[in-house]
PDB file of N, CA and C in Angstrom:
ATOM      1  N   MET A   1       2.935  15.649 -58.502  1.00  0.00           N
ATOM      2  CA  MET A   1       2.955  14.353 -57.881  1.00  0.00           C
ATOM      3  C   MET A   1       1.846  13.512 -58.513  1.00  0.00           C
ATOM      4  N   PRO A   2       2.156  12.323 -58.938  1.00  0.00           N
ATOM      5  CA  PRO A   2       1.137  11.445 -59.506  1.00  0.00           C
ATOM      6  C   PRO A   2       0.079  11.076 -58.462  1.00  0.00           C
ATOM      7  N   HIS A   3      -1.157  10.947 -58.916  1.00  0.00           N
ATOM      8  CA  HIS A   3      -2.261  10.645 -58.005  1.00  0.00           C
ATOM      9  C   HIS A   3      -2.057   9.338 -57.252  1.00  0.00           C
ATOM     10  N   TYR A   4      -1.333   8.400 -57.842  1.00  0.00           N
ATOM     11  CA  TYR A   4      -1.169   7.103 -57.182  1.00  0.00           C
ATOM     12  C   TYR A   4      -0.208   7.162 -56.000  1.00  0.00           C
ATOM     13  N   HIS A   5       0.415   8.302 -55.745  1.00  0.00           N
ATOM     14  CA  HIS A   5       1.245   8.484 -54.554  1.00  0.00           C
ATOM     15  C   HIS A   5       0.541   9.349 -53.497  1.00  0.00           C
ATOM     16  N   ALA A   6      -0.723   9.660 -53.718  1.00  0.00           N
ATOM     17  CA  ALA A   6      -1.448  10.560 -52.819  1.00  0.00           C
ATOM     18  C   ALA A   6      -1.551  10.011 -51.397  1.00  0.00           C
ATOM     19  N   MET A   7      -1.852   8.736 -51.236  1.00  0.00           N
ATOM     20  CA  MET A   7      -1.985   8.168 -49.889  1.00  0.00           C
ATOM     21  C   MET A   7      -0.650   8.194 -49.150  1.00  0.00           C
ATOM     22  N   GLU A   8       0.414   7.857 -49.844  1.00  0.00           N
ATOM     23  CA  GLU A   8       1.750   7.881 -49.244  1.00  0.00           C
ATOM     24  C   GLU A   8       2.131   9.307 -48.843  1.00  0.00           C
ATOM     25  N   ALA A   9       1.838  10.265 -49.707  1.00  0.00           N
ATOM     26  CA  ALA A   9       2.145  11.662 -49.411  1.00  0.00           C
ATOM     27  C   ALA A   9       1.310  12.169 -48.244  1.00  0.00           C
ATOM     28  N   THR A  10       0.053  11.751 -48.179  1.00  0.00           N
ATOM     29  CA  THR A  10      -0.821  12.160 -47.078  1.00  0.00           C
ATOM     30  C   THR A  10      -0.282  11.655 -45.748  1.00  0.00           C
ATOM     31  N   LYS A  11       0.135  10.398 -45.707  1.00  0.00           N
ATOM     32  CA  LYS A  11       0.694   9.838 -44.470  1.00  0.00           C
ATOM     33  C   LYS A  11       1.952  10.580 -44.043  1.00  0.00           C
ATOM     34  N   ALA A  12       2.735  11.051 -45.010  1.00  0.00           N
ATOM     35  CA  ALA A  12       3.980  11.755 -44.694  1.00  0.00           C
ATOM     36  C   ALA A  12       3.728  13.181 -44.207  1.00  0.00           C
ATOM     37  N   ILE A  13       2.712  13.841 -44.736  1.00  0.00           N
ATOM     38  CA  ILE A  13       2.497  15.260 -44.421  1.00  0.00           C
ATOM     39  C   ILE A  13       1.630  15.476 -43.181  1.00  0.00           C
ATOM     40  N   LYS A  14       0.783  14.500 -42.817  1.00  0.00           N
ATOM     41  CA  LYS A  14      -0.106  14.663 -41.662  1.00  0.00           C
ATOM     42  C   LYS A  14       0.633  15.023 -40.375  1.00  0.00           C
ATOM     43  N   PRO A  15       1.733  14.349 -40.015  1.00  0.00           N
ATOM     44  CA  PRO A  15       2.436  14.718 -38.780  1.00  0.00           C
ATOM     45  C   PRO A  15       3.042  16.120 -38.836  1.00  0.00           C
ATOM     46  N   ILE A  16       3.414  16.558 -40.018  1.00  0.00           N
ATOM     47  CA  ILE A  16       4.008  17.892 -40.164  1.00  0.00           C
ATOM     48  C   ILE A  16       2.941  18.970 -39.987  1.00  0.00           C
ATOM     49  N   LEU A  17       1.776  18.763 -40.578  1.00  0.00           N
ATOM     50  CA  LEU A  17       0.702  19.757 -40.495  1.00  0.00           C
ATOM     51  C   LEU A  17       0.009  19.769 -39.139  1.00  0.00           C
ATOM     52  N   GLY A  18      -0.039  18.631 -38.481  1.00  0.00           N
ATOM     53  CA  GLY A  18      -0.662  18.553 -37.161  1.00  0.00           C
ATOM     54  C   GLY A  18      -2.109  19.001 -37.177  1.00  0.00           C
ATOM     55  N   GLN A  19      -2.442  19.981 -36.341  1.00  0.00           N
ATOM     56  CA  GLN A  19      -3.832  20.452 -36.220  1.00  0.00           C
ATOM     57  C   GLN A  19      -4.332  21.171 -37.474  1.00  0.00           C
ATOM     58  N   TYR A  20      -3.438  21.549 -38.371  1.00  0.00           N
ATOM     59  CA  TYR A  20      -3.835  22.264 -39.584  1.00  0.00           C
ATOM     60  C   TYR A  20      -4.265  21.328 -40.713  1.00  0.00           C
ATOM     61  N   TYR A  21      -4.062  20.034 -40.526  1.00  0.00           N
ATOM     62  CA  TYR A  21      -4.481  19.068 -41.540  1.00  0.00           C
ATOM     63  C   TYR A  21      -6.004  18.985 -41.554  1.00  0.00           C
ATOM     64  N   GLN A  22      -6.598  19.069 -42.742  1.00  0.00           N
ATOM     65  CA  GLN A  22      -8.044  18.951 -42.888  1.00  0.00           C
ATOM     66  C   GLN A  22      -8.350  17.871 -43.910  1.00  0.00           C
ATOM     67  N   PHE A  23      -9.390  17.096 -43.642  1.00  0.00           N
ATOM     68  CA  PHE A  23      -9.775  15.997 -44.517  1.00  0.00           C
ATOM     69  C   PHE A  23     -11.145  16.264 -45.114  1.00  0.00           C
ATOM     70  N   ASP A  24     -11.287  16.006 -46.405  1.00  0.00           N
ATOM     71  CA  ASP A  24     -12.569  16.106 -47.093  1.00  0.00           C
ATOM     72  C   ASP A  24     -12.843  14.741 -47.713  1.00  0.00           C
ATOM     73  N   GLY A  25     -13.855  14.063 -47.237  1.00  0.00           N
ATOM     74  CA  GLY A  25     -14.159  12.712 -47.698  1.00  0.00           C
ATOM     75  C   GLY A  25     -15.008  12.651 -48.956  1.00  0.00           C
ATOM     76  N   THR A  26     -15.147  13.755 -49.652  1.00  0.00           N
ATOM     77  CA  THR A  26     -15.928  13.773 -50.885  1.00  0.00           C
ATOM     78  C   THR A  26     -15.269  12.877 -51.933  1.00  0.00           C
ATOM     79  N   PRO A  27     -16.048  12.024 -52.611  1.00  0.00           N
ATOM     80  CA  PRO A  27     -15.468  11.199 -53.674  1.00  0.00           C
ATOM     81  C   PRO A  27     -14.792  12.064 -54.747  1.00  0.00           C
ATOM     82  N   PHE A  28     -13.747  11.513 -55.356  1.00  0.00           N
ATOM     83  CA  PHE A  28     -12.897  12.254 -56.286  1.00  0.00           C
ATOM     84  C   PHE A  28     -13.674  12.962 -57.392  1.00  0.00           C
ATOM     85  N   TYR A  29     -14.525  12.230 -58.122  1.00  0.00           N
ATOM     86  CA  TYR A  29     -15.220  12.832 -59.255  1.00  0.00           C
ATOM     87  C   TYR A  29     -16.210  13.905 -58.817  1.00  0.00           C
ATOM     88  N   LYS A  30     -16.850  13.692 -57.684  1.00  0.00           N
ATOM     89  CA  LYS A  30     -17.782  14.693 -57.172  1.00  0.00           C
ATOM     90  C   LYS A  30     -17.022  15.957 -56.760  1.00  0.00           C
ATOM     91  N   ALA A  31     -15.852  15.787 -56.142  1.00  0.00           N
ATOM     92  CA  ALA A  31     -15.032  16.932 -55.742  1.00  0.00           C
ATOM     93  C   ALA A  31     -14.523  17.690 -56.964  1.00  0.00           C
ATOM     94  N   MET A  32     -14.112  16.963 -58.003  1.00  0.00           N
ATOM     95  CA  MET A  32     -13.643  17.628 -59.230  1.00  0.00           C
ATOM     96  C   MET A  32     -14.762  18.447 -59.859  1.00  0.00           C
ATOM     97  N   TRP A  33     -15.972  17.897 -59.895  1.00  0.00           N
ATOM     98  CA  TRP A  33     -17.113  18.617 -60.458  1.00  0.00           C
ATOM     99  C   TRP A  33     -17.413  19.867 -59.629  1.00  0.00           C
ATOM    100  N   ARG A  34     -17.394  19.724 -58.313  1.00  0.00           N
ATOM    101  CA  ARG A  34     -17.662  20.856 -57.420  1.00  0.00           C
ATOM    102  C   ARG A  34     -16.650  21.976 -57.654  1.00  0.00           C
ATOM    103  N   GLU A  35     -15.372  21.634 -57.723  1.00  0.00           N
ATOM    104  CA  GLU A  35     -14.332  22.648 -57.893  1.00  0.00           C
ATOM    105  C   GLU A  35     -14.411  23.312 -59.259  1.00  0.00           C
ATOM    106  N   ALA A  36     -14.704  22.536 -60.301  1.00  0.00           N
ATOM    107  CA  ALA A  36     -14.822  23.112 -61.636  1.00  0.00           C
ATOM    108  C   ALA A  36     -16.043  24.024 -61.729  1.00  0.00           C
ATOM    109  N   LYS A  37     -17.123  23.632 -61.073  1.00  0.00           N
ATOM    110  CA  LYS A  37     -18.368  24.401 -61.126  1.00  0.00           C
ATOM    111  C   LYS A  37     -18.259  25.701 -60.335  1.00  0.00           C
ATOM    112  N   GLU A  38     -17.646  25.650 -59.154  1.00  0.00           N
ATOM    113  CA  GLU A  38     -17.587  26.827 -58.290  1.00  0.00           C
ATOM    114  C   GLU A  38     -16.407  27.736 -58.604  1.00  0.00           C
ATOM    115  N   CYS A  39     -15.364  27.197 -59.200  1.00  0.00           N
ATOM    116  CA  CYS A  39     -14.180  27.958 -59.596  1.00  0.00           C
ATOM    117  C   CYS A  39     -13.633  28.795 -58.442  1.00  0.00           C
ATOM    118  N   LEU A  40     -13.355  28.163 -57.318  1.00  0.00           N
ATOM    119  CA  LEU A  40     -12.790  28.846 -56.161  1.00  0.00           C
ATOM    120  C   LEU A  40     -11.275  28.849 -56.244  1.00  0.00           C
ATOM    121  N   TYR A  41     -10.678  29.926 -55.792  1.00  0.00           N
ATOM    122  CA  TYR A  41      -9.224  30.007 -55.761  1.00  0.00           C
ATOM    123  C   TYR A  41      -8.804  30.950 -54.644  1.00  0.00           C
ATOM    124  N   VAL A  42      -7.532  30.985 -54.325  1.00  0.00           N
ATOM    125  CA  VAL A  42      -7.029  31.903 -53.309  1.00  0.00           C
ATOM    126  C   VAL A  42      -6.121  32.928 -53.964  1.00  0.00           C
ATOM    127  N   GLU A  43      -6.069  34.099 -53.331  1.00  0.00           N
ATOM    128  CA  GLU A  43      -5.303  35.213 -53.864  1.00  0.00           C
ATOM    129  C   GLU A  43      -4.623  35.913 -52.695  1.00  0.00           C
ATOM    130  N   PRO A  44      -3.346  36.295 -52.823  1.00  0.00           N
ATOM    131  CA  PRO A  44      -2.667  36.963 -51.705  1.00  0.00           C
ATOM    132  C   PRO A  44      -3.231  38.354 -51.461  1.00  0.00           C
ATOM    133  N   ASP A  45      -3.211  38.775 -50.204  1.00  0.00           N
ATOM    134  CA  ASP A  45      -3.643  40.120 -49.836  1.00  0.00           C
ATOM    135  C   ASP A  45      -2.414  41.019 -49.879  1.00  0.00           C
ATOM    136  N   GLU A  46      -2.312  41.835 -50.918  1.00  0.00           N
ATOM    137  CA  GLU A  46      -1.136  42.686 -51.121  1.00  0.00           C
ATOM    138  C   GLU A  46      -1.130  43.899 -50.194  1.00  0.00           C
ATOM    139  N   SER A  47      -2.267  44.243 -49.601  1.00  0.00           N
ATOM    140  CA  SER A  47      -2.342  45.450 -48.772  1.00  0.00           C
ATOM    141  C   SER A  47      -1.850  45.234 -47.344  1.00  0.00           C
ATOM    142  N   THR A  48      -1.622  43.998 -46.942  1.00  0.00           N
ATOM    143  CA  THR A  48      -1.158  43.743 -45.579  1.00  0.00           C
ATOM    144  C   THR A  48       0.360  43.620 -45.552  1.00  0.00           C
ATOM    145  N   PRO A  49       0.977  44.137 -44.501  1.00  0.00           N
ATOM    146  CA  PRO A  49       2.438  44.029 -44.404  1.00  0.00           C
ATOM    147  C   PRO A  49       2.903  42.598 -44.121  1.00  0.00           C
ATOM    148  N   ASP A  50       2.035  41.795 -43.488  1.00  0.00           N
ATOM    149  CA  ASP A  50       2.377  40.400 -43.198  1.00  0.00           C
ATOM    150  C   ASP A  50       2.134  39.549 -44.437  1.00  0.00           C
ATOM    151  N   LYS A  51       3.109  38.780 -44.790  1.00  0.00           N
ATOM    152  CA  LYS A  51       2.932  37.865 -45.926  1.00  0.00           C
ATOM    153  C   LYS A  51       2.260  36.592 -45.422  1.00  0.00           C
ATOM    154  N   GLY A  52       1.626  35.883 -46.316  1.00  0.00           N
ATOM    155  CA  GLY A  52       0.964  34.641 -45.949  1.00  0.00           C
ATOM    156  C   GLY A  52      -0.523  34.807 -45.691  1.00  0.00           C
ATOM    157  N   VAL A  53      -1.080  35.999 -45.966  1.00  0.00           N
ATOM    158  CA  VAL A  53      -2.516  36.224 -45.811  1.00  0.00           C
ATOM    159  C   VAL A  53      -3.158  36.030 -47.179  1.00  0.00           C
ATOM    160  N   PHE A  54      -4.137  35.121 -47.256  1.00  0.00           N
ATOM    161  CA  PHE A  54      -4.800  34.832 -48.517  1.00  0.00           C
ATOM    162  C   PHE A  54      -6.307  34.982 -48.358  1.00  0.00           C
ATOM    163  N   TRP A  55      -6.974  35.295 -49.450  1.00  0.00           N
ATOM    164  CA  TRP A  55      -8.427  35.427 -49.480  1.00  0.00           C
ATOM    165  C   TRP A  55      -8.990  34.436 -50.486  1.00  0.00           C
ATOM    166  N   TYR A  56     -10.115  33.811 -50.128  1.00  0.00           N
ATOM    167  CA  TYR A  56     -10.809  32.942 -51.066  1.00  0.00           C
ATOM    168  C   TYR A  56     -11.617  33.813 -52.005  1.00  0.00           C
ATOM    169  N   LYS A  57     -11.585  33.486 -53.267  1.00  0.00           N
ATOM    170  CA  LYS A  57     -12.344  34.224 -54.272  1.00  0.00           C
ATOM    171  C   LYS A  57     -13.178  33.240 -55.078  1.00  0.00           C
ATOM    172  N   ASN A  58     -14.243  33.746 -55.671  1.00  0.00           N
ATOM    173  CA  ASN A  58     -15.070  32.966 -56.578  1.00  0.00           C
ATOM    174  C   ASN A  58     -15.062  33.695 -57.909  1.00  0.00           C
ATOM    175  N   LYS A  59     -14.617  33.036 -58.961  1.00  0.00           N
ATOM    176  CA  LYS A  59     -14.466  33.690 -60.252  1.00  0.00           C
ATOM    177  C   LYS A  59     -15.796  34.167 -60.817  1.00  0.00           C
ATOM    178  N   PHE A  60     -16.875  33.481 -60.499  1.00  0.00           N
ATOM    179  CA  PHE A  60     -18.164  33.857 -61.084  1.00  0.00           C
ATOM    180  C   PHE A  60     -18.882  34.741 -60.161  1.00  0.00           C
TER     181      PHE A  60
END
């Protein structure tokens, strides 16, 4: 999705997510630097029988 549709997409998804919607007011460039520096990602937990369980990992 192009970045210029982000606000429209946010307005559309907020009612669907309800209480699970989270907002981070960090400016775009600062957030990009933070994510590139920390290299955080999620990985599925293969050992659990329930699907949809993820763990946050740090590459470094």
